[in-house]
Amino acid sequence: MIHVNMTRYPSGRKKQFNAWKAKKSSIPEFKPFQVNPVYRRETPQYASVDCGVMDTTKSNRNVYTGQMIKGISTMHKSNMVPIMNDQEAKDHASMRR
């Protein structure tokens, strides 16, 4: 069981307000909740943008023919780089760390 002194603080100093002598507040009067009509702010309705007729058919798939890239070079930290011509291959081969 905890004993609490309502007139003094734990340091021993006297409290300004004595909770034992305070008057109990009366219970407030019950007021039923009144529902207000739904409030909606007035927002303007803007027409959609008409950008004309657009073509939505499926486009042709891009396929690599195999004529541009000569090979693949591995650079720093396994970074794969496409080689377009012989000069790039020589440059990558002569690179140092």
PDB file of N, CA and C in Angstrom:
ATOM      1  N   MET A   1       0.844  -1.174   0.000  1.00  0.00           N
ATOM      2  CA  MET A   1       0.000   0.000   0.000  1.00  0.00           C
ATOM      3  C   MET A   1       0.890   1.237   0.000  1.00  0.00           C
ATOM      4  N   ILE A   2       0.549   2.227  -0.811  1.00  0.00           N
ATOM      5  CA  ILE A   2       1.335   3.448  -0.904  1.00  0.00           C
ATOM      6  C   ILE A   2       0.612   4.541  -0.133  1.00  0.00           C
ATOM      7  N   HIS A   3       1.323   5.183   0.780  1.00  0.00           N
ATOM      8  CA  HIS A   3       0.756   6.307   1.519  1.00  0.00           C
ATOM      9  C   HIS A   3       1.214   7.588   0.857  1.00  0.00           C
ATOM     10  N   VAL A   4       0.274   8.444   0.523  1.00  0.00           N
ATOM     11  CA  VAL A   4       0.579   9.670  -0.192  1.00  0.00           C
ATOM     12  C   VAL A   4       0.123  10.850   0.652  1.00  0.00           C
ATOM     13  N   ASN A   5       0.994  11.825   0.794  1.00  0.00           N
ATOM     14  CA  ASN A   5       0.635  13.050   1.487  1.00  0.00           C
ATOM     15  C   ASN A   5       0.148  14.039   0.444  1.00  0.00           C
ATOM     16  N   MET A   6      -1.119  14.436   0.542  1.00  0.00           N
ATOM     17  CA  MET A   6      -1.713  15.310  -0.457  1.00  0.00           C
ATOM     18  C   MET A   6      -1.425  16.783  -0.188  1.00  0.00           C
ATOM     19  N   THR A   7      -0.863  17.115   0.973  1.00  0.00           N
ATOM     20  CA  THR A   7      -0.629  18.517   1.307  1.00  0.00           C
ATOM     21  C   THR A   7       0.820  18.927   1.123  1.00  0.00           C
ATOM     22  N   ARG A   8       1.736  17.961   0.974  1.00  0.00           N
ATOM     23  CA  ARG A   8       3.162  18.278   0.864  1.00  0.00           C
ATOM     24  C   ARG A   8       3.806  17.491  -0.275  1.00  0.00           C
ATOM     25  N   TYR A   9       4.868  18.069  -0.838  1.00  0.00           N
ATOM     26  CA  TYR A   9       5.661  17.406  -1.870  1.00  0.00           C
ATOM     27  C   TYR A   9       6.605  16.409  -1.218  1.00  0.00           C
ATOM     28  N   PRO A  10       7.202  15.465  -1.990  1.00  0.00           N
ATOM     29  CA  PRO A  10       8.149  14.514  -1.397  1.00  0.00           C
ATOM     30  C   PRO A  10       9.349  15.199  -0.741  1.00  0.00           C
ATOM     31  N   SER A  11       9.677  16.417  -1.165  1.00  0.00           N
ATOM     32  CA  SER A  11      10.796  17.140  -0.550  1.00  0.00           C
ATOM     33  C   SER A  11      10.417  17.719   0.810  1.00  0.00           C
ATOM     34  N   GLY A  12       9.127  17.759   1.138  1.00  0.00           N
ATOM     35  CA  GLY A  12       8.668  18.293   2.405  1.00  0.00           C
ATOM     36  C   GLY A  12       8.068  19.673   2.284  1.00  0.00           C
ATOM     37  N   ARG A  13       8.217  20.307   1.133  1.00  0.00           N
ATOM     38  CA  ARG A  13       7.673  21.642   0.939  1.00  0.00           C
ATOM     39  C   ARG A  13       6.155  21.564   0.843  1.00  0.00           C
ATOM     40  N   LYS A  14       5.447  22.554   1.398  1.00  0.00           N
ATOM     41  CA  LYS A  14       3.998  22.563   1.431  1.00  0.00           C
ATOM     42  C   LYS A  14       3.434  22.925   0.059  1.00  0.00           C
ATOM     43  N   LYS A  15       2.407  22.214  -0.343  1.00  0.00           N
ATOM     44  CA  LYS A  15       1.747  22.482  -1.617  1.00  0.00           C
ATOM     45  C   LYS A  15       0.827  23.676  -1.467  1.00  0.00           C
ATOM     46  N   GLN A  16       0.674  24.452  -2.533  1.00  0.00           N
ATOM     47  CA  GLN A  16      -0.221  25.597  -2.537  1.00  0.00           C
ATOM     48  C   GLN A  16      -1.680  25.139  -2.608  1.00  0.00           C
ATOM     49  N   PHE A  17      -1.904  23.995  -3.232  1.00  0.00           N
ATOM     50  CA  PHE A  17      -3.251  23.507  -3.452  1.00  0.00           C
ATOM     51  C   PHE A  17      -3.428  22.210  -2.677  1.00  0.00           C
ATOM     52  N   ASN A  18      -4.405  22.139  -1.875  1.00  0.00           N
ATOM     53  CA  ASN A  18      -4.674  20.945  -1.090  1.00  0.00           C
ATOM     54  C   ASN A  18      -5.767  20.149  -1.794  1.00  0.00           C
ATOM     55  N   ALA A  19      -5.389  18.981  -2.314  1.00  0.00           N
ATOM     56  CA  ALA A  19      -6.339  18.184  -3.083  1.00  0.00           C
ATOM     57  C   ALA A  19      -7.427  17.599  -2.212  1.00  0.00           C
ATOM     58  N   TRP A  20      -7.191  17.454  -0.895  1.00  0.00           N
ATOM     59  CA  TRP A  20      -8.210  16.877  -0.013  1.00  0.00           C
ATOM     60  C   TRP A  20      -9.342  17.864   0.230  1.00  0.00           C
ATOM     61  N   LYS A  21      -9.024  19.138   0.206  1.00  0.00           N
ATOM     62  CA  LYS A  21     -10.035  20.131   0.517  1.00  0.00           C
ATOM     63  C   LYS A  21     -10.699  20.717  -0.726  1.00  0.00           C
ATOM     64  N   ALA A  22     -10.258  20.326  -1.883  1.00  0.00           N
ATOM     65  CA  ALA A  22     -10.810  20.884  -3.115  1.00  0.00           C
ATOM     66  C   ALA A  22     -12.242  20.425  -3.283  1.00  0.00           C
ATOM     67  N   LYS A  23     -13.092  21.302  -3.744  1.00  0.00           N
ATOM     68  CA  LYS A  23     -14.481  20.962  -3.978  1.00  0.00           C
ATOM     69  C   LYS A  23     -14.571  20.177  -5.278  1.00  0.00           C
ATOM     70  N   LYS A  24     -15.394  19.185  -5.257  1.00  0.00           N
ATOM     71  CA  LYS A  24     -15.591  18.384  -6.456  1.00  0.00           C
ATOM     72  C   LYS A  24     -16.426  19.178  -7.445  1.00  0.00           C
ATOM     73  N   SER A  25     -15.986  19.184  -8.679  1.00  0.00           N
ATOM     74  CA  SER A  25     -16.733  19.925  -9.699  1.00  0.00           C
ATOM     75  C   SER A  25     -18.021  19.171 -10.005  1.00  0.00           C
ATOM     76  N   SER A  26     -19.039  19.912 -10.295  1.00  0.00           N
ATOM     77  CA  SER A  26     -20.319  19.280 -10.610  1.00  0.00           C
ATOM     78  C   SER A  26     -20.243  18.649 -11.991  1.00  0.00           C
ATOM     79  N   ILE A  27     -21.021  17.639 -12.170  1.00  0.00           N
ATOM     80  CA  ILE A  27     -21.050  16.950 -13.453  1.00  0.00           C
ATOM     81  C   ILE A  27     -21.760  17.858 -14.447  1.00  0.00           C
ATOM     82  N   PRO A  28     -21.173  18.076 -15.623  1.00  0.00           N
ATOM     83  CA  PRO A  28     -21.801  18.973 -16.590  1.00  0.00           C
ATOM     84  C   PRO A  28     -23.134  18.410 -17.085  1.00  0.00           C
ATOM     85  N   GLU A  29     -23.991  19.295 -17.482  1.00  0.00           N
ATOM     86  CA  GLU A  29     -25.319  18.910 -17.951  1.00  0.00           C
ATOM     87  C   GLU A  29     -25.198  18.196 -19.289  1.00  0.00           C
ATOM     88  N   PHE A  30     -25.968  17.142 -19.468  1.00  0.00           N
ATOM     89  CA  PHE A  30     -25.937  16.365 -20.705  1.00  0.00           C
ATOM     90  C   PHE A  30     -26.643  17.134 -21.811  1.00  0.00           C
ATOM     91  N   LYS A  31     -25.958  17.261 -22.935  1.00  0.00           N
ATOM     92  CA  LYS A  31     -26.552  17.910 -24.098  1.00  0.00           C
ATOM     93  C   LYS A  31     -26.463  16.924 -25.259  1.00  0.00           C
ATOM     94  N   PRO A  32     -27.564  16.543 -25.846  1.00  0.00           N
ATOM     95  CA  PRO A  32     -27.506  15.585 -26.962  1.00  0.00           C
ATOM     96  C   PRO A  32     -26.811  16.220 -28.166  1.00  0.00           C
ATOM     97  N   PHE A  33     -26.107  15.384 -28.899  1.00  0.00           N
ATOM     98  CA  PHE A  33     -25.364  15.829 -30.077  1.00  0.00           C
ATOM     99  C   PHE A  33     -26.329  16.149 -31.201  1.00  0.00           C
ATOM    100  N   GLN A  34     -26.181  17.327 -31.776  1.00  0.00           N
ATOM    101  CA  GLN A  34     -27.031  17.727 -32.883  1.00  0.00           C
ATOM    102  C   GLN A  34     -26.240  17.630 -34.181  1.00  0.00           C
ATOM    103  N   VAL A  35     -26.762  16.910 -35.134  1.00  0.00           N
ATOM    104  CA  VAL A  35     -26.089  16.704 -36.408  1.00  0.00           C
ATOM    105  C   VAL A  35     -26.392  17.878 -37.325  1.00  0.00           C
ATOM    106  N   ASN A  36     -25.355  18.522 -37.815  1.00  0.00           N
ATOM    107  CA  ASN A  36     -25.508  19.628 -38.757  1.00  0.00           C
ATOM    108  C   ASN A  36     -25.628  19.067 -40.171  1.00  0.00           C
ATOM    109  N   PRO A  37     -26.265  19.787 -41.075  1.00  0.00           N
ATOM    110  CA  PRO A  37     -26.329  19.300 -42.457  1.00  0.00           C
ATOM    111  C   PRO A  37     -24.908  19.202 -43.040  1.00  0.00           C
ATOM    112  N   VAL A  38     -24.752  18.325 -44.007  1.00  0.00           N
ATOM    113  CA  VAL A  38     -23.435  18.085 -44.608  1.00  0.00           C
ATOM    114  C   VAL A  38     -22.944  19.358 -45.277  1.00  0.00           C
ATOM    115  N   TYR A  39     -21.712  19.733 -44.954  1.00  0.00           N
ATOM    116  CA  TYR A  39     -21.116  20.926 -45.546  1.00  0.00           C
ATOM    117  C   TYR A  39     -20.203  20.513 -46.682  1.00  0.00           C
ATOM    118  N   ARG A  40     -20.407  21.080 -47.822  1.00  0.00           N
ATOM    119  CA  ARG A  40     -19.521  20.840 -48.952  1.00  0.00           C
ATOM    120  C   ARG A  40     -19.110  22.180 -49.519  1.00  0.00           C
ATOM    121  N   ARG A  41     -17.820  22.338 -49.696  1.00  0.00           N
ATOM    122  CA  ARG A  41     -17.358  23.600 -50.263  1.00  0.00           C
ATOM    123  C   ARG A  41     -17.641  23.615 -51.766  1.00  0.00           C
ATOM    124  N   GLU A  42     -17.767  24.784 -52.291  1.00  0.00           N
ATOM    125  CA  GLU A  42     -18.054  24.931 -53.706  1.00  0.00           C
ATOM    126  C   GLU A  42     -16.745  24.877 -54.486  1.00  0.00           C
ATOM    127  N   THR A  43     -16.603  23.869 -55.313  1.00  0.00           N
ATOM    128  CA  THR A  43     -15.403  23.742 -56.134  1.00  0.00           C
ATOM    129  C   THR A  43     -15.818  23.816 -57.593  1.00  0.00           C
ATOM    130  N   PRO A  44     -15.077  24.578 -58.368  1.00  0.00           N
ATOM    131  CA  PRO A  44     -15.435  24.690 -59.784  1.00  0.00           C
ATOM    132  C   PRO A  44     -15.130  23.392 -60.532  1.00  0.00           C
ATOM    133  N   GLN A  45     -15.929  23.059 -61.504  1.00  0.00           N
ATOM    134  CA  GLN A  45     -15.728  21.887 -62.335  1.00  0.00           C
ATOM    135  C   GLN A  45     -15.058  22.330 -63.629  1.00  0.00           C
ATOM    136  N   TYR A  46     -13.847  21.856 -63.861  1.00  0.00           N
ATOM    137  CA  TYR A  46     -13.103  22.213 -65.061  1.00  0.00           C
ATOM    138  C   TYR A  46     -13.278  21.112 -66.108  1.00  0.00           C
ATOM    139  N   ALA A  47     -13.393  21.516 -67.349  1.00  0.00           N
ATOM    140  CA  ALA A  47     -13.528  20.555 -68.434  1.00  0.00           C
ATOM    141  C   ALA A  47     -12.197  19.860 -68.673  1.00  0.00           C
ATOM    142  N   SER A  48     -12.253  18.609 -69.104  1.00  0.00           N
ATOM    143  CA  SER A  48     -11.042  17.863 -69.408  1.00  0.00           C
ATOM    144  C   SER A  48     -10.359  18.436 -70.636  1.00  0.00           C
ATOM    145  N   VAL A  49      -9.056  18.209 -70.747  1.00  0.00           N
ATOM    146  CA  VAL A  49      -8.304  18.695 -71.894  1.00  0.00           C
ATOM    147  C   VAL A  49      -8.585  17.795 -73.090  1.00  0.00           C
ATOM    148  N   ASP A  50      -8.911  18.408 -74.197  1.00  0.00           N
ATOM    149  CA  ASP A  50      -9.141  17.652 -75.419  1.00  0.00           C
ATOM    150  C   ASP A  50      -7.914  17.818 -76.300  1.00  0.00           C
ATOM    151  N   CYS A  51      -7.096  16.766 -76.382  1.00  0.00           N
ATOM    152  CA  CYS A  51      -5.869  16.863 -77.166  1.00  0.00           C
ATOM    153  C   CYS A  51      -6.007  16.180 -78.521  1.00  0.00           C
ATOM    154  N   GLY A  52      -7.208  15.949 -78.950  1.00  0.00           N
ATOM    155  CA  GLY A  52      -7.417  15.380 -80.267  1.00  0.00           C
ATOM    156  C   GLY A  52      -7.337  13.866 -80.258  1.00  0.00           C
ATOM    157  N   VAL A  53      -7.260  13.299 -81.447  1.00  0.00           N
ATOM    158  CA  VAL A  53      -7.210  11.853 -81.595  1.00  0.00           C
ATOM    159  C   VAL A  53      -5.755  11.406 -81.549  1.00  0.00           C
ATOM    160  N   MET A  54      -5.469  10.399 -80.757  1.00  0.00           N
ATOM    161  CA  MET A  54      -4.098   9.889 -80.668  1.00  0.00           C
ATOM    162  C   MET A  54      -4.061   8.441 -81.137  1.00  0.00           C
ATOM    163  N   ASP A  55      -2.933   8.055 -81.695  1.00  0.00           N
ATOM    164  CA  ASP A  55      -2.757   6.691 -82.168  1.00  0.00           C
ATOM    165  C   ASP A  55      -2.307   5.824 -80.995  1.00  0.00           C
ATOM    166  N   THR A  56      -3.095   4.816 -80.658  1.00  0.00           N
ATOM    167  CA  THR A  56      -2.754   3.951 -79.531  1.00  0.00           C
ATOM    168  C   THR A  56      -2.452   2.529 -79.966  1.00  0.00           C
ATOM    169  N   THR A  57      -2.183   2.349 -81.260  1.00  0.00           N
ATOM    170  CA  THR A  57      -1.865   1.005 -81.726  1.00  0.00           C
ATOM    171  C   THR A  57      -0.464   0.621 -81.272  1.00  0.00           C
ATOM    172  N   LYS A  58      -0.223  -0.666 -81.201  1.00  0.00           N
ATOM    173  CA  LYS A  58       1.064  -1.178 -80.754  1.00  0.00           C
ATOM    174  C   LYS A  58       2.126  -0.903 -81.820  1.00  0.00           C
ATOM    175  N   SER A  59       3.254  -0.334 -81.384  1.00  0.00           N
ATOM    176  CA  SER A  59       4.321  -0.017 -82.333  1.00  0.00           C
ATOM    177  C   SER A  59       5.169  -1.257 -82.596  1.00  0.00           C
ATOM    178  N   ASN A  60       5.967  -1.196 -83.645  1.00  0.00           N
ATOM    179  CA  ASN A  60       6.844  -2.309 -83.986  1.00  0.00           C
ATOM    180  C   ASN A  60       7.931  -2.449 -82.926  1.00  0.00           C
ATOM    181  N   ARG A  61       8.285  -3.687 -82.625  1.00  0.00           N
ATOM    182  CA  ARG A  61       9.297  -3.958 -81.609  1.00  0.00           C
ATOM    183  C   ARG A  61      10.682  -3.730 -82.191  1.00  0.00           C
ATOM    184  N   ASN A  62      11.546  -3.042 -81.421  1.00  0.00           N
ATOM    185  CA  ASN A  62      12.921  -2.816 -81.869  1.00  0.00           C
ATOM    186  C   ASN A  62      13.740  -4.080 -81.632  1.00  0.00           C
ATOM    187  N   VAL A  63      14.365  -4.546 -82.693  1.00  0.00           N
ATOM    188  CA  VAL A  63      15.160  -5.771 -82.611  1.00  0.00           C
ATOM    189  C   VAL A  63      16.576  -5.440 -83.039  1.00  0.00           C
ATOM    190  N   TYR A  64      17.563  -5.905 -82.262  1.00  0.00           N
ATOM    191  CA  TYR A  64      18.959  -5.665 -82.587  1.00  0.00           C
ATOM    192  C   TYR A  64      19.389  -6.616 -83.701  1.00  0.00           C
ATOM    193  N   THR A  65      20.016  -6.040 -84.736  1.00  0.00           N
ATOM    194  CA  THR A  65      20.398  -6.851 -85.898  1.00  0.00           C
ATOM    195  C   THR A  65      21.773  -7.478 -85.748  1.00  0.00           C
ATOM    196  N   GLY A  66      22.596  -6.992 -84.809  1.00  0.00           N
ATOM    197  CA  GLY A  66      23.900  -7.602 -84.576  1.00  0.00           C
ATOM    198  C   GLY A  66      25.013  -6.992 -85.394  1.00  0.00           C
ATOM    199  N   GLN A  67      24.841  -5.792 -85.946  1.00  0.00           N
ATOM    200  CA  GLN A  67      25.864  -5.204 -86.793  1.00  0.00           C
ATOM    201  C   GLN A  67      26.621  -4.076 -86.114  1.00  0.00           C
ATOM    202  N   MET A  68      26.108  -3.498 -85.034  1.00  0.00           N
ATOM    203  CA  MET A  68      26.739  -2.329 -84.438  1.00  0.00           C
ATOM    204  C   MET A  68      27.735  -2.696 -83.340  1.00  0.00           C
ATOM    205  N   ILE A  69      27.378  -3.588 -82.438  1.00  0.00           N
ATOM    206  CA  ILE A  69      28.240  -3.932 -81.309  1.00  0.00           C
ATOM    207  C   ILE A  69      29.157  -5.076 -81.701  1.00  0.00           C
ATOM    208  N   LYS A  70      30.468  -4.844 -81.476  1.00  0.00           N
ATOM    209  CA  LYS A  70      31.456  -5.861 -81.838  1.00  0.00           C
ATOM    210  C   LYS A  70      31.726  -6.819 -80.690  1.00  0.00           C
ATOM    211  N   GLY A  71      31.542  -6.337 -79.444  1.00  0.00           N
ATOM    212  CA  GLY A  71      31.808  -7.195 -78.300  1.00  0.00           C
ATOM    213  C   GLY A  71      31.446  -6.499 -77.001  1.00  0.00           C
ATOM    214  N   ILE A  72      31.793  -7.162 -75.884  1.00  0.00           N
ATOM    215  CA  ILE A  72      31.504  -6.626 -74.558  1.00  0.00           C
ATOM    216  C   ILE A  72      32.787  -6.614 -73.766  1.00  0.00           C
ATOM    217  N   SER A  73      33.056  -5.484 -73.112  1.00  0.00           N
ATOM    218  CA  SER A  73      34.255  -5.343 -72.291  1.00  0.00           C
ATOM    219  C   SER A  73      33.841  -5.308 -70.825  1.00  0.00           C
ATOM    220  N   THR A  74      34.673  -5.909 -69.959  1.00  0.00           N
ATOM    221  CA  THR A  74      34.420  -5.870 -68.524  1.00  0.00           C
ATOM    222  C   THR A  74      35.339  -4.839 -67.918  1.00  0.00           C
ATOM    223  N   MET A  75      34.738  -3.864 -67.243  1.00  0.00           N
ATOM    224  CA  MET A  75      35.538  -2.811 -66.624  1.00  0.00           C
ATOM    225  C   MET A  75      35.493  -2.969 -65.117  1.00  0.00           C
ATOM    226  N   HIS A  76      35.682  -1.883 -64.404  1.00  0.00           N
ATOM    227  CA  HIS A  76      35.780  -1.892 -62.947  1.00  0.00           C
ATOM    228  C   HIS A  76      34.531  -2.487 -62.293  1.00  0.00           C
ATOM    229  N   LYS A  77      34.726  -3.385 -61.370  1.00  0.00           N
ATOM    230  CA  LYS A  77      33.661  -4.032 -60.588  1.00  0.00           C
ATOM    231  C   LYS A  77      32.619  -4.707 -61.478  1.00  0.00           C
ATOM    232  N   SER A  78      33.071  -5.469 -62.439  1.00  0.00           N
ATOM    233  CA  SER A  78      32.203  -6.262 -63.314  1.00  0.00           C
ATOM    234  C   SER A  78      31.189  -5.421 -64.068  1.00  0.00           C
ATOM    235  N   ASN A  79      31.592  -4.236 -64.471  1.00  0.00           N
ATOM    236  CA  ASN A  79      30.716  -3.368 -65.242  1.00  0.00           C
ATOM    237  C   ASN A  79      30.856  -3.749 -66.709  1.00  0.00           C
ATOM    238  N   MET A  80      29.776  -4.243 -67.311  1.00  0.00           N
ATOM    239  CA  MET A  80      29.813  -4.668 -68.699  1.00  0.00           C
ATOM    240  C   MET A  80      29.562  -3.463 -69.606  1.00  0.00           C
ATOM    241  N   VAL A  81      30.481  -3.252 -70.570  1.00  0.00           N
ATOM    242  CA  VAL A  81      30.408  -2.104 -71.465  1.00  0.00           C
ATOM    243  C   VAL A  81      30.432  -2.617 -72.898  1.00  0.00           C
ATOM    244  N   PRO A  82      29.502  -2.146 -73.753  1.00  0.00           N
ATOM    245  CA  PRO A  82      29.530  -2.598 -75.144  1.00  0.00           C
ATOM    246  C   PRO A  82      30.679  -1.938 -75.909  1.00  0.00           C
ATOM    247  N   ILE A  83      31.291  -2.688 -76.808  1.00  0.00           N
ATOM    248  CA  ILE A  83      32.375  -2.192 -77.658  1.00  0.00           C
ATOM    249  C   ILE A  83      31.800  -1.968 -79.056  1.00  0.00           C
ATOM    250  N   MET A  84      31.916  -0.705 -79.534  1.00  0.00           N
ATOM    251  CA  MET A  84      31.334  -0.350 -80.830  1.00  0.00           C
ATOM    252  C   MET A  84      32.323  -0.527 -81.987  1.00  0.00           C
ATOM    253  N   ASN A  85      33.606  -0.244 -81.719  1.00  0.00           N
ATOM    254  CA  ASN A  85      34.583  -0.352 -82.799  1.00  0.00           C
ATOM    255  C   ASN A  85      35.916  -0.857 -82.243  1.00  0.00           C
ATOM    256  N   ASP A  86      36.897  -1.060 -83.134  1.00  0.00           N
ATOM    257  CA  ASP A  86      38.197  -1.622 -82.734  1.00  0.00           C
ATOM    258  C   ASP A  86      38.963  -0.673 -81.824  1.00  0.00           C
ATOM    259  N   GLN A  87      38.824   0.637 -82.017  1.00  0.00           N
ATOM    260  CA  GLN A  87      39.549   1.604 -81.194  1.00  0.00           C
ATOM    261  C   GLN A  87      39.090   1.531 -79.727  1.00  0.00           C
ATOM    262  N   GLU A  88      37.802   1.385 -79.506  1.00  0.00           N
ATOM    263  CA  GLU A  88      37.297   1.244 -78.132  1.00  0.00           C
ATOM    264  C   GLU A  88      37.830  -0.023 -77.488  1.00  0.00           C
ATOM    265  N   ALA A  89      37.920  -1.094 -78.260  1.00  0.00           N
ATOM    266  CA  ALA A  89      38.450  -2.349 -77.719  1.00  0.00           C
ATOM    267  C   ALA A  89      39.898  -2.166 -77.290  1.00  0.00           C
ATOM    268  N   LYS A  90      40.696  -1.447 -78.083  1.00  0.00           N
ATOM    269  CA  LYS A  90      42.100  -1.201 -77.721  1.00  0.00           C
ATOM    270  C   LYS A  90      42.197  -0.303 -76.489  1.00  0.00           C
ATOM    271  N   ASP A  91      41.304   0.710 -76.397  1.00  0.00           N
ATOM    272  CA  ASP A  91      41.310   1.608 -75.247  1.00  0.00           C
ATOM    273  C   ASP A  91      40.974   0.865 -73.954  1.00  0.00           C
ATOM    274  N   HIS A  92      39.999  -0.002 -74.007  1.00  0.00           N
ATOM    275  CA  HIS A  92      39.614  -0.753 -72.806  1.00  0.00           C
ATOM    276  C   HIS A  92      40.690  -1.753 -72.417  1.00  0.00           C
ATOM    277  N   ALA A  93      41.338  -2.331 -73.396  1.00  0.00           N
ATOM    278  CA  ALA A  93      42.390  -3.300 -73.105  1.00  0.00           C
ATOM    279  C   ALA A  93      43.613  -2.642 -72.491  1.00  0.00           C
ATOM    280  N   SER A  94      43.875  -1.384 -72.844  1.00  0.00           N
ATOM    281  CA  SER A  94      45.056  -0.702 -72.317  1.00  0.00           C
ATOM    282  C   SER A  94      44.787   0.054 -71.015  1.00  0.00           C
ATOM    283  N   MET A  95      43.542   0.052 -70.552  1.00  0.00           N
ATOM    284  CA  MET A  95      43.224   0.743 -69.286  1.00  0.00           C
ATOM    285  C   MET A  95      43.826   0.025 -68.116  1.00  0.00           C
ATOM    286  N   ARG A  96      44.281   0.824 -67.160  1.00  0.00           N
ATOM    287  CA  ARG A  96      44.816   0.249 -65.930  1.00  0.00           C
ATOM    288  C   ARG A  96      43.844   0.555 -64.811  1.00  0.00           C
ATOM    289  N   ARG A  97      44.044  -0.088 -63.703  1.00  0.00           N
ATOM    290  CA  ARG A  97      43.191   0.061 -62.543  1.00  0.00           C
ATOM    291  C   ARG A  97      43.155   1.436 -62.025  1.00  0.00           C
TER     292      ARG A  97
END
